[in-house]
Amino acid sequence: MTHVYINTIRFLWVIGAALVLLKDKLELHLSINKIGNTSLDFIASYTTHIGDGLFLLFTSIVFLFIRLKTALILFLSFILSSGIVQILKHTIFVDMKRPYFYFENDSSFRVMEDFTYFTENSFPSGHATSCFVLFTILAFHFQRKYMLQFFFVSAAVFVAFTRVYLSQHFMQDIIAGSIIGVLISQTLWIYINPRYSQLDRPLINRQE
């Protein structure tokens, strides 16, 4: 059932690409900024941490006790995708600025209190990459759970979107991050999962 997850993500990429191409990125971001409210601020400021590398590493550790192969693929996907993102951020796209760089002195821009805004290394989004690695691997691991596929899509999109809502990234940043995350994790799953049958077990086998 992973085709449900992958095909839905592809459809959302098309919609996202259309938004990016048809509307100026500053105008688009400012329109998203205007939907902000204190409730969404609270939700976004916490759920965005699901895209942290530490959260993904923690999930990898948890999967050691569920299925070693899934834990390995999750970890390798994180390392490889994060490496690609950091190389892109600090070489090809080193001059790409974050939203706050453009809106810091704009009186119409809504600013959250007690929140740290960054201005450098906007493209691509590392948080979006990590959360799409996480939920793509989960979608493959639980591929027989049909309804979970929609949940994983929704969760991945929402967590990535918090980066735009919090003005840490533009829309194209999270789209690029999601593409990297999905492609890397899908490729590693397809390559590794049919192999190494000795890893189709938890770290600790409980004897009944």
N, C-alpha and C. Protein backbone atom coordinates (compact mmCIF):
# COMPACT_ATOMS: atom_id res chain seq x y z
N MET A 1 0.81 -1.22 0.00
CA MET A 1 0.00 0.00 0.00
C MET A 1 0.85 1.27 0.00
N THR A 2 2.17 1.11 -0.07
CA THR A 2 3.01 2.30 -0.04
C THR A 2 2.81 3.19 -1.27
N HIS A 3 2.21 2.60 -2.35
CA HIS A 3 1.94 3.43 -3.52
C HIS A 3 0.97 4.54 -3.18
N VAL A 4 0.10 4.32 -2.18
CA VAL A 4 -0.83 5.37 -1.73
C VAL A 4 -0.03 6.54 -1.17
N TYR A 5 0.93 6.24 -0.32
CA TYR A 5 1.76 7.29 0.28
C TYR A 5 2.56 8.01 -0.80
N ILE A 6 3.28 7.27 -1.62
CA ILE A 6 4.16 7.86 -2.63
C ILE A 6 3.37 8.67 -3.65
N ASN A 7 2.26 8.12 -4.14
CA ASN A 7 1.47 8.83 -5.15
C ASN A 7 0.83 10.10 -4.59
N THR A 8 0.42 10.04 -3.34
CA THR A 8 -0.15 11.24 -2.71
C THR A 8 0.91 12.32 -2.55
N ILE A 9 2.10 11.91 -2.16
CA ILE A 9 3.21 12.86 -2.04
C ILE A 9 3.53 13.48 -3.39
N ARG A 10 3.56 12.68 -4.43
CA ARG A 10 3.84 13.21 -5.77
C ARG A 10 2.80 14.23 -6.19
N PHE A 11 1.54 13.93 -5.90
CA PHE A 11 0.45 14.85 -6.22
C PHE A 11 0.64 16.18 -5.48
N LEU A 12 1.02 16.10 -4.22
CA LEU A 12 1.23 17.32 -3.42
C LEU A 12 2.45 18.09 -3.92
N TRP A 13 3.46 17.39 -4.45
CA TRP A 13 4.61 18.08 -5.04
C TRP A 13 4.17 18.93 -6.23
N VAL A 14 3.26 18.40 -7.03
CA VAL A 14 2.76 19.14 -8.20
C VAL A 14 2.03 20.40 -7.75
N ILE A 15 1.19 20.26 -6.74
CA ILE A 15 0.46 21.42 -6.22
C ILE A 15 1.43 22.45 -5.65
N GLY A 16 2.39 21.98 -4.86
CA GLY A 16 3.37 22.87 -4.26
C GLY A 16 4.20 23.58 -5.31
N ALA A 17 4.61 22.84 -6.34
CA ALA A 17 5.41 23.43 -7.42
C ALA A 17 4.61 24.49 -8.15
N ALA A 18 3.32 24.25 -8.35
CA ALA A 18 2.46 25.23 -9.02
C ALA A 18 2.38 26.51 -8.21
N LEU A 19 2.23 26.38 -6.89
CA LEU A 19 2.18 27.56 -6.02
C LEU A 19 3.47 28.37 -6.11
N VAL A 20 4.58 27.66 -6.07
CA VAL A 20 5.89 28.32 -6.11
C VAL A 20 6.11 29.02 -7.44
N LEU A 21 5.68 28.39 -8.52
CA LEU A 21 5.92 28.95 -9.86
C LEU A 21 4.97 30.09 -10.20
N LEU A 22 3.76 30.03 -9.66
CA LEU A 22 2.75 31.00 -10.04
C LEU A 22 2.70 32.24 -9.14
N LYS A 23 3.35 32.17 -7.98
CA LYS A 23 3.28 33.29 -7.06
C LYS A 23 4.67 33.66 -6.54
N ASP A 24 4.93 34.94 -6.42
CA ASP A 24 6.20 35.40 -5.88
C ASP A 24 6.41 34.83 -4.49
N LYS A 25 7.63 34.37 -4.21
CA LYS A 25 7.86 33.66 -2.95
C LYS A 25 7.66 34.54 -1.73
N LEU A 26 7.95 35.83 -1.84
CA LEU A 26 7.75 36.73 -0.70
C LEU A 26 6.26 36.98 -0.47
N GLU A 27 5.51 37.15 -1.55
CA GLU A 27 4.06 37.34 -1.42
C GLU A 27 3.40 36.09 -0.85
N LEU A 28 3.82 34.94 -1.36
CA LEU A 28 3.26 33.68 -0.86
C LEU A 28 3.56 33.51 0.61
N HIS A 29 4.78 33.80 1.00
CA HIS A 29 5.13 33.63 2.41
C HIS A 29 4.37 34.61 3.30
N LEU A 30 4.22 35.84 2.84
CA LEU A 30 3.51 36.83 3.63
C LEU A 30 2.04 36.44 3.81
N SER A 31 1.45 35.84 2.79
CA SER A 31 0.06 35.39 2.89
C SER A 31 -0.08 34.25 3.89
N ILE A 32 0.93 33.38 3.95
CA ILE A 32 0.93 32.30 4.95
C ILE A 32 1.15 32.87 6.34
N ASN A 33 2.02 33.85 6.45
CA ASN A 33 2.30 34.49 7.73
C ASN A 33 1.04 35.10 8.34
N LYS A 34 0.13 35.57 7.50
CA LYS A 34 -1.07 36.26 7.99
C LYS A 34 -2.09 35.31 8.61
N ILE A 35 -1.97 34.00 8.37
CA ILE A 35 -2.93 33.06 8.96
C ILE A 35 -2.57 32.72 10.40
N GLY A 36 -1.44 33.22 10.87
CA GLY A 36 -0.96 32.86 12.20
C GLY A 36 -1.86 33.29 13.33
N ASN A 37 -1.88 32.48 14.38
CA ASN A 37 -2.57 32.82 15.63
C ASN A 37 -1.87 32.10 16.77
N THR A 38 -2.20 32.45 17.99
CA THR A 38 -1.47 31.91 19.14
C THR A 38 -1.61 30.39 19.28
N SER A 39 -2.76 29.85 18.91
CA SER A 39 -2.95 28.40 19.01
C SER A 39 -2.05 27.66 18.02
N LEU A 40 -2.02 28.15 16.79
CA LEU A 40 -1.15 27.53 15.79
C LEU A 40 0.32 27.74 16.13
N ASP A 41 0.62 28.89 16.74
CA ASP A 41 2.00 29.14 17.17
C ASP A 41 2.46 28.05 18.13
N PHE A 42 1.61 27.74 19.09
CA PHE A 42 1.93 26.75 20.11
C PHE A 42 2.11 25.37 19.48
N ILE A 43 1.16 24.98 18.62
CA ILE A 43 1.21 23.66 18.00
C ILE A 43 2.44 23.54 17.11
N ALA A 44 2.67 24.56 16.27
CA ALA A 44 3.77 24.51 15.32
C ALA A 44 5.13 24.51 16.01
N SER A 45 5.25 25.29 17.07
CA SER A 45 6.55 25.42 17.74
C SER A 45 6.99 24.12 18.40
N TYR A 46 6.04 23.22 18.69
CA TYR A 46 6.39 21.93 19.28
C TYR A 46 6.48 20.82 18.23
N THR A 47 5.50 20.76 17.34
CA THR A 47 5.51 19.68 16.36
C THR A 47 6.66 19.81 15.36
N THR A 48 7.18 21.00 15.18
CA THR A 48 8.29 21.19 14.24
C THR A 48 9.52 20.38 14.65
N HIS A 49 9.63 20.05 15.95
CA HIS A 49 10.79 19.30 16.45
C HIS A 49 10.78 17.85 15.99
N ILE A 50 9.66 17.38 15.44
CA ILE A 50 9.64 16.03 14.87
C ILE A 50 10.61 15.95 13.70
N GLY A 51 10.90 17.10 13.09
CA GLY A 51 11.86 17.15 12.00
C GLY A 51 13.30 17.30 12.45
N ASP A 52 13.53 17.34 13.76
CA ASP A 52 14.90 17.42 14.27
C ASP A 52 15.63 16.10 14.02
N GLY A 53 16.91 16.19 13.78
CA GLY A 53 17.71 14.99 13.60
C GLY A 53 17.69 14.11 14.84
N LEU A 54 17.66 14.71 16.01
CA LEU A 54 17.65 13.94 17.25
C LEU A 54 16.40 13.09 17.38
N PHE A 55 15.27 13.63 16.93
CA PHE A 55 14.02 12.86 17.00
C PHE A 55 14.11 11.65 16.07
N LEU A 56 14.69 11.84 14.89
CA LEU A 56 14.82 10.74 13.95
C LEU A 56 15.78 9.68 14.47
N LEU A 57 16.87 10.13 15.09
CA LEU A 57 17.81 9.18 15.68
C LEU A 57 17.17 8.40 16.83
N PHE A 58 16.35 9.08 17.61
CA PHE A 58 15.62 8.42 18.69
C PHE A 58 14.69 7.35 18.13
N THR A 59 14.01 7.68 17.03
CA THR A 59 13.11 6.71 16.40
C THR A 59 13.90 5.51 15.88
N SER A 60 15.08 5.76 15.35
CA SER A 60 15.95 4.67 14.89
C SER A 60 16.29 3.73 16.04
N ILE A 61 16.58 4.29 17.20
CA ILE A 61 16.91 3.48 18.37
C ILE A 61 15.70 2.64 18.80
N VAL A 62 14.52 3.25 18.76
CA VAL A 62 13.29 2.52 19.11
C VAL A 62 13.12 1.32 18.17
N PHE A 63 13.38 1.52 16.89
CA PHE A 63 13.19 0.43 15.91
C PHE A 63 14.22 -0.67 16.05
N LEU A 64 15.30 -0.41 16.77
CA LEU A 64 16.24 -1.49 17.05
C LEU A 64 15.54 -2.64 17.79
N PHE A 65 14.53 -2.29 18.57
CA PHE A 65 13.82 -3.28 19.37
C PHE A 65 12.54 -3.76 18.67
N ILE A 66 12.34 -3.31 17.42
CA ILE A 66 11.20 -3.76 16.62
C ILE A 66 11.68 -4.54 15.41
N ARG A 67 12.58 -3.92 14.63
CA ARG A 67 13.14 -4.58 13.44
C ARG A 67 14.45 -3.90 13.08
N LEU A 68 15.53 -4.65 13.16
CA LEU A 68 16.86 -4.10 12.94
C LEU A 68 17.01 -3.49 11.54
N LYS A 69 16.43 -4.12 10.56
CA LYS A 69 16.59 -3.63 9.19
C LYS A 69 15.95 -2.26 9.01
N THR A 70 14.78 -2.08 9.57
CA THR A 70 14.12 -0.77 9.48
C THR A 70 14.94 0.30 10.20
N ALA A 71 15.48 -0.05 11.36
CA ALA A 71 16.32 0.89 12.10
C ALA A 71 17.54 1.28 11.27
N LEU A 72 18.15 0.30 10.60
CA LEU A 72 19.33 0.56 9.78
C LEU A 72 19.00 1.47 8.60
N ILE A 73 17.90 1.17 7.91
CA ILE A 73 17.51 1.99 6.75
C ILE A 73 17.18 3.41 7.19
N LEU A 74 16.49 3.53 8.30
CA LEU A 74 16.14 4.86 8.82
C LEU A 74 17.39 5.66 9.14
N PHE A 75 18.34 5.01 9.80
CA PHE A 75 19.58 5.69 10.18
C PHE A 75 20.40 6.09 8.95
N LEU A 76 20.57 5.17 8.02
CA LEU A 76 21.35 5.46 6.82
C LEU A 76 20.68 6.55 5.97
N SER A 77 19.35 6.51 5.91
CA SER A 77 18.62 7.52 5.15
C SER A 77 18.84 8.90 5.75
N PHE A 78 18.83 8.95 7.07
CA PHE A 78 19.05 10.23 7.75
C PHE A 78 20.47 10.75 7.50
N ILE A 79 21.45 9.89 7.65
CA ILE A 79 22.84 10.31 7.46
C ILE A 79 23.08 10.80 6.04
N LEU A 80 22.63 10.03 5.06
CA LEU A 80 22.87 10.38 3.66
C LEU A 80 22.11 11.65 3.26
N SER A 81 20.83 11.72 3.59
CA SER A 81 20.03 12.89 3.21
C SER A 81 20.51 14.15 3.92
N SER A 82 20.87 14.03 5.20
CA SER A 82 21.38 15.18 5.94
C SER A 82 22.69 15.69 5.35
N GLY A 83 23.53 14.75 4.95
CA GLY A 83 24.79 15.13 4.32
C GLY A 83 24.57 15.90 3.03
N ILE A 84 23.64 15.42 2.21
CA ILE A 84 23.32 16.10 0.96
C ILE A 84 22.78 17.50 1.22
N VAL A 85 21.87 17.61 2.19
CA VAL A 85 21.28 18.91 2.52
C VAL A 85 22.35 19.89 2.98
N GLN A 86 23.22 19.45 3.86
CA GLN A 86 24.25 20.35 4.38
C GLN A 86 25.24 20.79 3.30
N ILE A 87 25.57 19.89 2.41
CA ILE A 87 26.46 20.25 1.30
C ILE A 87 25.80 21.29 0.41
N LEU A 88 24.52 21.09 0.10
CA LEU A 88 23.79 22.05 -0.74
C LEU A 88 23.66 23.40 -0.05
N LYS A 89 23.35 23.37 1.25
CA LYS A 89 23.19 24.62 2.01
C LYS A 89 24.46 25.47 2.00
N HIS A 90 25.58 24.81 2.16
CA HIS A 90 26.83 25.53 2.39
C HIS A 90 27.73 25.64 1.16
N THR A 91 27.22 25.20 0.00
CA THR A 91 28.01 25.35 -1.24
C THR A 91 27.17 26.04 -2.31
N ILE A 92 26.35 25.26 -3.01
CA ILE A 92 25.59 25.80 -4.13
C ILE A 92 24.60 26.88 -3.72
N PHE A 93 23.91 26.66 -2.59
CA PHE A 93 22.85 27.58 -2.18
C PHE A 93 23.21 28.38 -0.93
N VAL A 94 24.49 28.67 -0.76
CA VAL A 94 24.95 29.34 0.44
C VAL A 94 24.36 30.75 0.59
N ASP A 95 23.95 31.38 -0.51
CA ASP A 95 23.43 32.75 -0.45
C ASP A 95 21.91 32.81 -0.29
N MET A 96 21.26 31.67 -0.19
CA MET A 96 19.81 31.66 -0.04
C MET A 96 19.43 32.05 1.38
N LYS A 97 18.65 33.13 1.51
CA LYS A 97 18.27 33.66 2.82
C LYS A 97 16.91 33.14 3.25
N ARG A 98 16.71 33.13 4.56
CA ARG A 98 15.44 32.70 5.12
C ARG A 98 14.46 33.88 5.14
N PRO A 99 13.16 33.58 5.33
CA PRO A 99 12.15 34.64 5.27
C PRO A 99 12.42 35.85 6.16
N TYR A 100 12.89 35.61 7.37
CA TYR A 100 13.06 36.73 8.30
C TYR A 100 14.09 37.73 7.80
N PHE A 101 15.01 37.31 6.97
CA PHE A 101 15.99 38.22 6.39
C PHE A 101 15.28 39.31 5.59
N TYR A 102 14.19 38.95 4.92
CA TYR A 102 13.46 39.89 4.07
C TYR A 102 12.40 40.67 4.83
N PHE A 103 11.87 40.09 5.90
CA PHE A 103 10.71 40.70 6.58
C PHE A 103 11.03 41.30 7.95
N GLU A 104 12.28 41.27 8.35
CA GLU A 104 12.64 41.73 9.69
C GLU A 104 12.15 43.14 9.98
N ASN A 105 12.19 44.01 8.99
CA ASN A 105 11.79 45.41 9.19
C ASN A 105 10.45 45.74 8.55
N ASP A 106 9.69 44.69 8.24
CA ASP A 106 8.37 44.88 7.63
C ASP A 106 7.31 44.90 8.74
N SER A 107 6.65 46.03 8.89
CA SER A 107 5.67 46.18 9.98
C SER A 107 4.44 45.30 9.80
N SER A 108 4.19 44.84 8.57
CA SER A 108 3.03 43.98 8.32
C SER A 108 3.32 42.51 8.62
N PHE A 109 4.57 42.22 8.91
CA PHE A 109 4.97 40.83 9.16
C PHE A 109 4.68 40.46 10.61
N ARG A 110 3.97 39.35 10.80
CA ARG A 110 3.61 38.91 12.14
C ARG A 110 4.78 38.16 12.76
N VAL A 111 5.23 38.63 13.93
CA VAL A 111 6.38 38.03 14.62
C VAL A 111 5.91 37.36 15.89
N MET A 112 6.37 36.14 16.13
CA MET A 112 6.07 35.44 17.37
C MET A 112 6.99 35.91 18.48
N GLU A 113 6.43 36.11 19.65
CA GLU A 113 7.24 36.54 20.79
C GLU A 113 8.08 35.37 21.32
N ASP A 114 9.25 35.70 21.82
CA ASP A 114 10.16 34.71 22.42
C ASP A 114 10.47 33.57 21.47
N PHE A 115 10.64 33.90 20.21
CA PHE A 115 10.98 32.90 19.20
C PHE A 115 12.21 33.35 18.44
N THR A 116 13.13 32.42 18.20
CA THR A 116 14.37 32.76 17.52
C THR A 116 14.24 32.52 16.02
N TYR A 117 14.38 33.58 15.25
CA TYR A 117 14.33 33.49 13.80
C TYR A 117 15.74 33.46 13.23
N PHE A 118 15.95 32.55 12.27
CA PHE A 118 17.24 32.49 11.58
C PHE A 118 17.12 33.17 10.23
N THR A 119 18.25 33.56 9.67
CA THR A 119 18.23 34.30 8.42
C THR A 119 19.06 33.67 7.30
N GLU A 120 19.94 32.74 7.64
CA GLU A 120 20.86 32.18 6.64
C GLU A 120 20.53 30.72 6.31
N ASN A 121 21.11 30.25 5.18
CA ASN A 121 21.05 28.83 4.78
C ASN A 121 19.62 28.30 4.73
N SER A 122 18.83 28.91 3.89
CA SER A 122 17.41 28.56 3.81
C SER A 122 17.14 27.31 2.98
N PHE A 123 17.87 27.13 1.90
CA PHE A 123 17.54 26.09 0.91
C PHE A 123 18.60 24.99 0.87
N PRO A 124 18.16 23.73 0.94
CA PRO A 124 16.81 23.22 1.22
C PRO A 124 16.58 23.08 2.73
N SER A 125 15.38 22.72 3.11
CA SER A 125 15.05 22.60 4.53
C SER A 125 15.49 21.24 5.10
N GLY A 126 16.35 21.29 6.10
CA GLY A 126 16.81 20.07 6.74
C GLY A 126 15.72 19.39 7.54
N HIS A 127 14.87 20.20 8.20
CA HIS A 127 13.77 19.62 8.97
C HIS A 127 12.78 18.89 8.06
N ALA A 128 12.47 19.50 6.91
CA ALA A 128 11.55 18.86 5.98
C ALA A 128 12.15 17.56 5.46
N THR A 129 13.44 17.57 5.17
CA THR A 129 14.11 16.35 4.72
C THR A 129 14.00 15.25 5.75
N SER A 130 14.31 15.58 7.00
CA SER A 130 14.30 14.57 8.07
C SER A 130 12.90 14.02 8.32
N CYS A 131 11.90 14.90 8.34
CA CYS A 131 10.55 14.39 8.64
C CYS A 131 10.02 13.54 7.49
N PHE A 132 10.41 13.84 6.26
CA PHE A 132 9.98 13.00 5.15
C PHE A 132 10.75 11.69 5.11
N VAL A 133 12.00 11.69 5.54
CA VAL A 133 12.71 10.43 5.72
C VAL A 133 11.97 9.57 6.74
N LEU A 134 11.64 10.16 7.87
CA LEU A 134 10.97 9.43 8.94
C LEU A 134 9.65 8.82 8.48
N PHE A 135 8.77 9.65 7.92
CA PHE A 135 7.43 9.16 7.59
C PHE A 135 7.42 8.29 6.33
N THR A 136 8.39 8.46 5.45
CA THR A 136 8.49 7.57 4.29
C THR A 136 8.89 6.16 4.74
N ILE A 137 9.87 6.09 5.63
CA ILE A 137 10.29 4.79 6.15
C ILE A 137 9.16 4.14 6.95
N LEU A 138 8.44 4.93 7.73
CA LEU A 138 7.30 4.39 8.48
C LEU A 138 6.23 3.87 7.52
N ALA A 139 6.02 4.60 6.42
CA ALA A 139 5.03 4.16 5.44
C ALA A 139 5.42 2.83 4.82
N PHE A 140 6.70 2.64 4.55
CA PHE A 140 7.17 1.37 3.99
C PHE A 140 7.11 0.26 5.04
N HIS A 141 7.48 0.57 6.26
CA HIS A 141 7.47 -0.45 7.31
C HIS A 141 6.05 -0.95 7.59
N PHE A 142 5.09 -0.01 7.61
CA PHE A 142 3.69 -0.37 7.88
C PHE A 142 2.88 -0.37 6.59
N GLN A 143 3.45 -0.89 5.52
CA GLN A 143 2.81 -0.78 4.21
C GLN A 143 1.50 -1.53 4.10
N ARG A 144 1.24 -2.48 4.97
CA ARG A 144 -0.03 -3.20 4.92
C ARG A 144 -1.14 -2.47 5.66
N LYS A 145 -0.80 -1.41 6.35
CA LYS A 145 -1.79 -0.61 7.09
C LYS A 145 -2.26 0.55 6.20
N TYR A 146 -3.37 0.34 5.53
CA TYR A 146 -3.85 1.28 4.52
C TYR A 146 -4.08 2.68 5.08
N MET A 147 -4.81 2.77 6.18
CA MET A 147 -5.16 4.08 6.73
C MET A 147 -3.94 4.81 7.29
N LEU A 148 -2.95 4.05 7.74
CA LEU A 148 -1.74 4.69 8.25
C LEU A 148 -1.01 5.46 7.16
N GLN A 149 -1.16 5.04 5.90
CA GLN A 149 -0.49 5.74 4.81
C GLN A 149 -0.94 7.19 4.72
N PHE A 150 -2.23 7.42 4.87
CA PHE A 150 -2.75 8.79 4.84
C PHE A 150 -2.30 9.58 6.06
N PHE A 151 -2.22 8.89 7.19
CA PHE A 151 -1.74 9.58 8.39
C PHE A 151 -0.29 10.02 8.22
N PHE A 152 0.55 9.14 7.67
CA PHE A 152 1.96 9.47 7.48
C PHE A 152 2.14 10.62 6.48
N VAL A 153 1.32 10.63 5.42
CA VAL A 153 1.36 11.75 4.48
C VAL A 153 1.00 13.05 5.19
N SER A 154 -0.11 13.02 5.92
CA SER A 154 -0.57 14.23 6.61
C SER A 154 0.45 14.72 7.62
N ALA A 155 1.02 13.78 8.37
CA ALA A 155 2.01 14.16 9.39
C ALA A 155 3.25 14.76 8.75
N ALA A 156 3.75 14.14 7.68
CA ALA A 156 4.95 14.64 7.01
C ALA A 156 4.72 16.04 6.46
N VAL A 157 3.59 16.24 5.81
CA VAL A 157 3.28 17.55 5.22
C VAL A 157 3.11 18.60 6.31
N PHE A 158 2.41 18.24 7.39
CA PHE A 158 2.18 19.23 8.45
C PHE A 158 3.48 19.63 9.13
N VAL A 159 4.31 18.65 9.47
CA VAL A 159 5.58 18.96 10.14
C VAL A 159 6.45 19.83 9.25
N ALA A 160 6.52 19.48 7.97
CA ALA A 160 7.31 20.28 7.03
C ALA A 160 6.74 21.69 6.92
N PHE A 161 5.41 21.79 6.88
CA PHE A 161 4.77 23.10 6.74
C PHE A 161 5.02 23.99 7.95
N THR A 162 5.24 23.41 9.12
CA THR A 162 5.52 24.24 10.29
C THR A 162 6.77 25.09 10.08
N ARG A 163 7.68 24.61 9.24
CA ARG A 163 8.89 25.38 8.97
C ARG A 163 8.57 26.66 8.20
N VAL A 164 7.56 26.59 7.34
CA VAL A 164 7.10 27.79 6.63
C VAL A 164 6.27 28.66 7.57
N TYR A 165 5.38 28.02 8.31
CA TYR A 165 4.54 28.77 9.25
C TYR A 165 5.40 29.56 10.24
N LEU A 166 6.48 28.95 10.71
CA LEU A 166 7.37 29.59 11.68
C LEU A 166 8.39 30.53 11.01
N SER A 167 8.25 30.70 9.71
CA SER A 167 9.12 31.60 8.93
C SER A 167 10.60 31.22 9.02
N GLN A 168 10.85 29.94 9.12
CA GLN A 168 12.22 29.45 9.07
C GLN A 168 12.61 29.03 7.65
N HIS A 169 11.58 28.88 6.79
CA HIS A 169 11.84 28.48 5.41
C HIS A 169 10.75 29.00 4.48
N PHE A 170 11.08 29.06 3.20
CA PHE A 170 10.09 29.33 2.17
C PHE A 170 9.50 28.01 1.70
N MET A 171 8.40 28.11 0.93
CA MET A 171 7.73 26.91 0.46
C MET A 171 8.66 26.04 -0.38
N GLN A 172 9.45 26.65 -1.27
CA GLN A 172 10.32 25.84 -2.11
C GLN A 172 11.40 25.10 -1.32
N ASP A 173 11.75 25.65 -0.15
CA ASP A 173 12.74 24.99 0.70
C ASP A 173 12.24 23.65 1.21
N ILE A 174 10.96 23.63 1.65
CA ILE A 174 10.43 22.38 2.20
C ILE A 174 10.08 21.39 1.09
N ILE A 175 9.72 21.90 -0.10
CA ILE A 175 9.46 21.00 -1.22
C ILE A 175 10.75 20.28 -1.61
N ALA A 176 11.83 21.06 -1.72
CA ALA A 176 13.13 20.46 -2.06
C ALA A 176 13.57 19.47 -0.98
N GLY A 177 13.38 19.84 0.28
CA GLY A 177 13.74 18.93 1.37
C GLY A 177 12.94 17.65 1.34
N SER A 178 11.65 17.77 1.03
CA SER A 178 10.80 16.58 0.98
C SER A 178 11.22 15.65 -0.15
N ILE A 179 11.59 16.23 -1.29
CA ILE A 179 12.03 15.42 -2.43
C ILE A 179 13.30 14.64 -2.07
N ILE A 180 14.24 15.32 -1.44
CA ILE A 180 15.48 14.65 -1.02
C ILE A 180 15.17 13.53 -0.03
N GLY A 181 14.34 13.84 0.96
CA GLY A 181 14.01 12.85 1.99
C GLY A 181 13.32 11.62 1.43
N VAL A 182 12.34 11.83 0.55
CA VAL A 182 11.59 10.71 -0.02
C VAL A 182 12.47 9.87 -0.94
N LEU A 183 13.21 10.53 -1.83
CA LEU A 183 14.02 9.79 -2.80
C LEU A 183 15.11 8.96 -2.14
N ILE A 184 15.78 9.54 -1.15
CA ILE A 184 16.85 8.81 -0.46
C ILE A 184 16.29 7.63 0.31
N SER A 185 15.25 7.86 1.09
CA SER A 185 14.71 6.78 1.93
C SER A 185 14.05 5.70 1.08
N GLN A 186 13.36 6.09 0.01
CA GLN A 186 12.74 5.09 -0.87
C GLN A 186 13.81 4.24 -1.57
N THR A 187 14.86 4.89 -2.04
CA THR A 187 15.94 4.17 -2.73
C THR A 187 16.63 3.17 -1.80
N LEU A 188 16.94 3.61 -0.58
CA LEU A 188 17.61 2.71 0.36
C LEU A 188 16.70 1.57 0.78
N TRP A 189 15.40 1.86 0.94
CA TRP A 189 14.47 0.79 1.31
C TRP A 189 14.39 -0.26 0.21
N ILE A 190 14.26 0.20 -1.04
CA ILE A 190 14.16 -0.73 -2.17
C ILE A 190 15.43 -1.58 -2.30
N TYR A 191 16.58 -0.98 -2.02
CA TYR A 191 17.83 -1.71 -2.15
C TYR A 191 18.09 -2.65 -0.97
N ILE A 192 17.87 -2.16 0.25
CA ILE A 192 18.26 -2.93 1.44
C ILE A 192 17.19 -3.91 1.90
N ASN A 193 15.92 -3.53 1.82
CA ASN A 193 14.87 -4.34 2.43
C ASN A 193 14.80 -5.78 1.91
N PRO A 194 14.99 -6.03 0.60
CA PRO A 194 14.93 -7.43 0.15
C PRO A 194 16.16 -8.25 0.55
N ARG A 195 17.16 -7.61 1.09
CA ARG A 195 18.41 -8.27 1.41
C ARG A 195 18.58 -8.41 2.93
N TYR A 196 19.64 -9.10 3.33
CA TYR A 196 20.04 -9.21 4.73
C TYR A 196 18.90 -9.69 5.63
N SER A 197 18.40 -10.87 5.31
CA SER A 197 17.27 -11.44 6.05
C SER A 197 17.59 -11.62 7.53
N GLN A 198 18.88 -11.70 7.87
CA GLN A 198 19.26 -11.86 9.27
C GLN A 198 18.91 -10.64 10.12
N LEU A 199 18.59 -9.53 9.45
CA LEU A 199 18.22 -8.31 10.17
C LEU A 199 16.71 -8.14 10.30
N ASP A 200 15.95 -9.14 9.87
CA ASP A 200 14.49 -9.09 10.01
C ASP A 200 14.07 -9.56 11.40
N ARG A 201 14.62 -8.92 12.39
CA ARG A 201 14.33 -9.28 13.78
C ARG A 201 14.67 -8.10 14.67
N PRO A 202 14.16 -8.10 15.89
CA PRO A 202 14.56 -7.06 16.85
C PRO A 202 15.94 -7.34 17.40
N LEU A 203 16.53 -6.36 18.01
CA LEU A 203 17.86 -6.51 18.60
C LEU A 203 17.86 -7.60 19.66
N ILE A 204 16.78 -7.63 20.43
CA ILE A 204 16.66 -8.62 21.49
C ILE A 204 15.48 -9.52 21.18
N ASN A 205 15.71 -10.79 20.94
CA ASN A 205 14.65 -11.74 20.70
C ASN A 205 14.12 -12.26 22.02
N ARG A 206 12.84 -12.05 22.24
CA ARG A 206 12.21 -12.56 23.47
C ARG A 206 11.78 -14.00 23.25
N GLN A 207 12.20 -14.84 24.13
CA GLN A 207 11.81 -16.24 24.05
C GLN A 207 10.51 -16.44 24.81
N GLU A 208 9.57 -17.09 24.13
CA GLU A 208 8.28 -17.33 24.79
C GLU A 208 8.38 -18.45 25.82
